[in-house]
Protein backbone atom coordinates (compact mmCIF):
# COMPACT_ATOMS: atom_id res chain seq x y z
CA MET A 1 14.24 17.44 -1.51
CA THR A 2 17.93 16.81 -1.87
CA GLY A 3 20.37 13.98 -1.37
CA HIS A 4 18.14 11.10 -2.54
CA SER A 5 19.02 8.95 -5.56
CA SER A 6 16.42 6.92 -7.44
CA ALA A 7 17.69 3.82 -5.63
CA ASP A 8 17.25 5.58 -2.28
CA LEU A 9 13.67 6.47 -3.14
CA LEU A 10 12.93 2.91 -4.24
CA ARG A 11 14.26 1.52 -0.95
CA ALA A 12 12.20 4.07 0.95
CA VAL A 13 9.06 3.04 -0.90
CA GLU A 14 9.73 -0.68 -0.46
CA ALA A 15 10.47 -0.42 3.25
CA ARG A 16 8.29 2.59 4.09
CA GLU A 17 11.35 4.18 5.68
CA TRP A 18 10.34 7.83 5.78
CA SER A 19 12.74 10.76 5.72
CA SER A 20 12.31 13.83 7.89
CA GLU A 21 13.19 15.86 4.80
CA VAL A 22 9.88 14.95 3.16
CA SER A 23 7.22 17.60 3.66
CA ASP A 24 3.53 16.79 3.36
CA SER A 25 2.24 20.32 3.10
CA GLY A 26 0.67 22.02 0.10
CA GLY A 27 0.40 21.34 -3.60
CA GLY A 28 -0.75 18.40 -5.70
CA LEU A 29 1.03 15.07 -5.70
CA ARG A 30 2.74 15.38 -9.07
CA GLU A 31 3.35 19.12 -8.65
CA ARG A 32 4.83 18.59 -5.20
CA TRP A 33 7.18 15.73 -5.98
CA GLY A 34 7.52 15.45 -9.74
CA LYS A 35 8.05 12.09 -11.42
CA GLU A 36 9.89 10.46 -8.52
CA TYR A 37 7.23 10.54 -5.84
CA PRO A 38 8.47 9.64 -2.35
CA PRO A 39 6.05 8.69 0.46
CA ASN A 40 4.77 11.20 2.97
CA PRO A 41 6.00 10.96 6.55
CA SER A 42 3.83 8.69 8.67
CA ARG A 43 3.35 10.43 11.98
CA ARG A 44 0.96 7.71 13.07
CA ARG A 45 3.39 4.82 12.84
CA GLY A 46 6.80 6.51 12.89
CA GLN A 47 9.15 5.03 15.46
CA VAL A 48 11.24 7.68 17.18
CA VAL A 49 14.27 6.88 19.30
CA LYS A 50 16.08 9.78 20.98
CA GLY A 51 14.69 12.23 18.44
CA LYS A 52 15.60 10.12 15.40
CA THR A 53 13.39 7.99 13.21
CA ARG A 54 14.30 4.33 13.53
CA ALA A 55 14.64 2.65 10.15
CA ARG A 56 12.10 -0.04 9.38
CA LYS A 57 13.23 -3.36 8.03
CA ASN A 58 14.45 -3.24 4.46
CA PRO A 59 16.86 -5.22 2.26
CA ASP A 60 19.78 -3.05 3.39
CA ASN A 61 19.40 -3.71 7.13
CA SER A 62 17.85 -7.19 7.29
CA ALA A 63 17.83 -10.51 5.49
CA GLU A 64 14.09 -11.16 5.75
CA TYR A 65 10.69 -9.66 6.49
CA PHE A 66 7.99 -11.52 8.43
CA GLY A 67 10.22 -14.56 8.10
CA TYR A 68 10.47 -14.33 4.29
CA PRO A 69 13.75 -13.66 2.50
CA TRP A 70 13.34 -10.34 0.70
CA PRO A 71 13.42 -11.87 -2.81
CA LYS A 72 10.53 -14.17 -1.86
CA TRP A 73 8.58 -11.31 -0.26
CA PHE A 74 8.93 -9.30 -3.49
CA ARG A 75 7.84 -12.31 -5.60
CA MET A 76 4.78 -12.64 -3.37
CA ARG A 77 4.03 -8.95 -3.81
CA ASP A 78 4.37 -9.11 -7.60
CA ALA A 79 2.13 -12.18 -7.78
CA ALA A 80 -0.50 -10.37 -5.73
CA ILE A 81 -0.38 -7.36 -8.04
CA ALA A 82 -0.95 -9.63 -11.04
CA LEU A 83 -3.89 -11.30 -9.29
CA LEU A 84 -5.46 -7.95 -8.42
CA LYS A 85 -5.20 -6.86 -12.04
CA ASP A 86 -7.00 -10.08 -13.04
CA CYS A 87 -9.74 -9.23 -10.52
CA ALA A 88 -10.03 -5.75 -11.99
CA ARG A 89 -10.46 -7.12 -15.50
CA SER A 90 -13.43 -9.15 -14.18
CA ARG A 91 -14.69 -6.16 -12.16
CA GLU A 92 -14.33 -8.14 -8.95
CA THR A 93 -12.88 -7.49 -5.51
CA THR A 94 -11.05 -10.08 -3.42
CA CYS A 95 -10.32 -10.73 0.24
CA TYR A 96 -7.00 -11.40 1.94
CA GLY A 97 -7.66 -15.13 2.23
CA ALA A 98 -8.31 -15.58 -1.48
CA LEU A 99 -5.40 -13.31 -2.41
CA TRP A 100 -3.04 -15.21 -0.10
CA GLN A 101 -4.13 -18.54 -1.58
CA GLY A 102 -3.75 -17.20 -5.10
CA VAL A 103 -0.22 -16.00 -4.37
CA GLU A 104 0.71 -19.39 -2.95
CA GLU A 105 -0.64 -21.13 -6.06
CA ALA A 106 1.12 -18.67 -8.37
CA LEU A 107 4.47 -19.24 -6.65
CA GLY A 108 3.93 -22.98 -6.35
CA GLU A 109 5.32 -23.03 -2.82
CA ASP A 110 4.17 -22.70 0.76
CA ILE A 111 4.00 -19.13 2.02
CA GLY A 112 2.78 -19.88 5.53
CA LYS A 113 -0.14 -18.49 7.47
CA ARG A 114 -1.62 -15.03 7.31
CA GLY A 115 -2.04 -12.63 10.21
CA GLN A 116 -3.42 -9.15 10.81
CA TYR A 117 -0.07 -7.38 10.82
CA LYS A 118 1.23 -9.46 7.94
CA ASP A 119 -1.88 -8.62 5.91
CA ARG A 120 -1.38 -4.91 6.51
CA ALA A 121 2.31 -5.06 5.63
CA PHE A 122 1.53 -7.06 2.50
CA ALA A 123 -1.12 -4.58 1.35
CA GLY A 124 1.33 -1.76 2.05
CA ALA A 125 3.99 -3.44 -0.09
CA ILE A 126 1.47 -3.87 -2.91
CA GLY A 127 0.21 -0.32 -2.56
CA TRP A 128 3.60 1.37 -2.60
CA HIS A 129 5.12 -0.77 -5.36
CA SER A 130 2.12 -0.53 -7.71
CA ASN A 131 1.53 3.10 -6.87
CA ASP A 132 1.30 5.65 -9.66
CA PHE A 133 -0.26 8.90 -8.58
CA ASP A 134 -1.90 9.41 -11.97
CA LYS A 135 -3.88 6.19 -11.37
CA PRO A 136 -6.35 4.96 -8.73
CA MET A 137 -5.31 2.61 -5.92
CA LEU A 138 -5.06 -1.06 -6.91
CA THR A 139 -5.41 -2.00 -3.23
CA SER A 140 -9.00 -0.69 -3.33
CA LEU A 141 -9.87 -4.19 -4.58
CA ILE A 142 -8.82 -5.88 -1.31
CA VAL A 143 -11.84 -6.04 1.00
CA ARG A 144 -12.89 -7.69 4.23
CA GLU A 145 -14.67 -10.94 3.45
CA LYS A 146 -17.67 -10.33 5.73
CA GLU A 147 -18.18 -6.59 5.22
CA GLY A 148 -17.24 -6.37 1.54
CA HIS A 149 -15.22 -3.19 2.01
CA PRO A 150 -11.60 -2.41 2.98
CA GLY A 151 -10.37 -2.25 6.53
CA ARG A 152 -8.85 0.78 8.18
CA GLY A 153 -5.41 -0.10 6.78
CA PHE A 154 -6.52 0.90 3.29
CA PHE A 155 -7.35 4.41 4.46
CA MET A 156 -4.21 4.67 6.59
CA LEU A 157 -2.16 3.84 3.48
CA ALA A 158 -4.08 6.51 1.56
CA VAL A 159 -3.19 9.04 4.25
CA ASP A 160 0.49 8.02 4.09
CA GLN A 161 0.45 8.44 0.29
CA GLY A 162 -1.12 11.88 0.52
CA ARG A 163 -4.32 10.81 -1.23
CA LEU A 164 -6.53 11.27 1.84
CA SER A 165 -6.14 13.96 4.47
CA GLU A 166 -5.13 12.87 7.95
CA ASN A 167 -8.31 14.44 9.35
CA ASP A 168 -10.43 12.24 7.08
CA GLY A 169 -8.51 9.04 7.80
CA PRO A 170 -8.99 6.59 10.69
CA LYS A 171 -7.81 7.76 14.09
CA ALA A 172 -5.29 5.53 15.82
CA ASP A 173 -6.99 5.75 19.20
CA GLU A 174 -10.60 5.02 18.27
CA ASP A 175 -12.76 2.07 17.28
CA TRP A 176 -13.15 2.37 13.54
CA SER A 177 -16.14 2.09 11.26
CA MET A 178 -16.14 3.42 7.72
CA THR A 179 -17.53 6.94 7.34
CA PRO A 180 -19.63 8.05 4.34
CA LEU A 181 -16.68 10.12 3.14
CA GLN A 182 -14.34 7.14 3.40
CA ARG A 183 -16.86 4.94 1.55
CA HIS A 184 -16.98 7.45 -1.29
CA PHE A 185 -13.18 7.70 -1.26
CA TRP A 186 -12.93 3.89 -1.59
CA GLU A 187 -15.68 3.34 -4.18
CA THR A 188 -14.32 6.00 -6.52
CA PRO A 189 -10.87 4.43 -7.13
CA ARG A 190 -12.32 0.92 -7.03
CA ASN A 191 -14.66 1.75 -9.90
CA ALA A 192 -11.86 3.56 -11.73
CA VAL A 193 -9.60 0.50 -11.42
CA PHE A 194 -12.43 -1.65 -12.82
CA ASP A 195 -12.87 0.73 -15.75
CA GLN A 196 -9.16 0.89 -16.54
CA TYR A 197 -8.49 -2.84 -16.58
CA ALA A 198 -11.85 -4.18 -17.81
CA SER A 199 -11.69 -1.82 -20.77
CA GLY A 200 -8.17 -2.88 -21.69
CA ILE A 201 -6.73 0.59 -21.10
CA GLU A 202 -4.30 -0.91 -18.58
CA LYS A 203 -2.50 -4.23 -18.97
């Protein structure tokens, strides 16, 4: 990969604005990208206009995201990461409703109502910002309240990050229910996150 500064990579991660220069073939994550790991291209959700990828919203091309000024969106994300780490120390999962309420209380201000697309975008922001490919996924602690396991968005994020193969991830055009392989994929990092934070290895 050439032509990307650290700041460019950070903006790409924050906004999930993929570059056509990024290849997702072959090699391990660290071996493939080194210390500055950029996201894989998302064929599933890439927006193409006249052969070019249309940039998603980011601080360079917009003032807000889902109605939140970018600084507030990032404060919300950081508060959520802190809350998830607290959950991990107690070896507990959480649902979007509880996480959203906890973020609102942490910020001490109204953050509005949740929604399906907002939830997915929020989990994506958490997942990319907290992502370290030598560590398990912190977003494995966010589960559906009724089912007690993550929704399809968790596995789609894992595919985008190169952790799960596209063949093993949810298909965009089918009704989804978690497969045994996906359950194992989720439970493994969830338990690893518990072990890291409950033991005090991670702060």
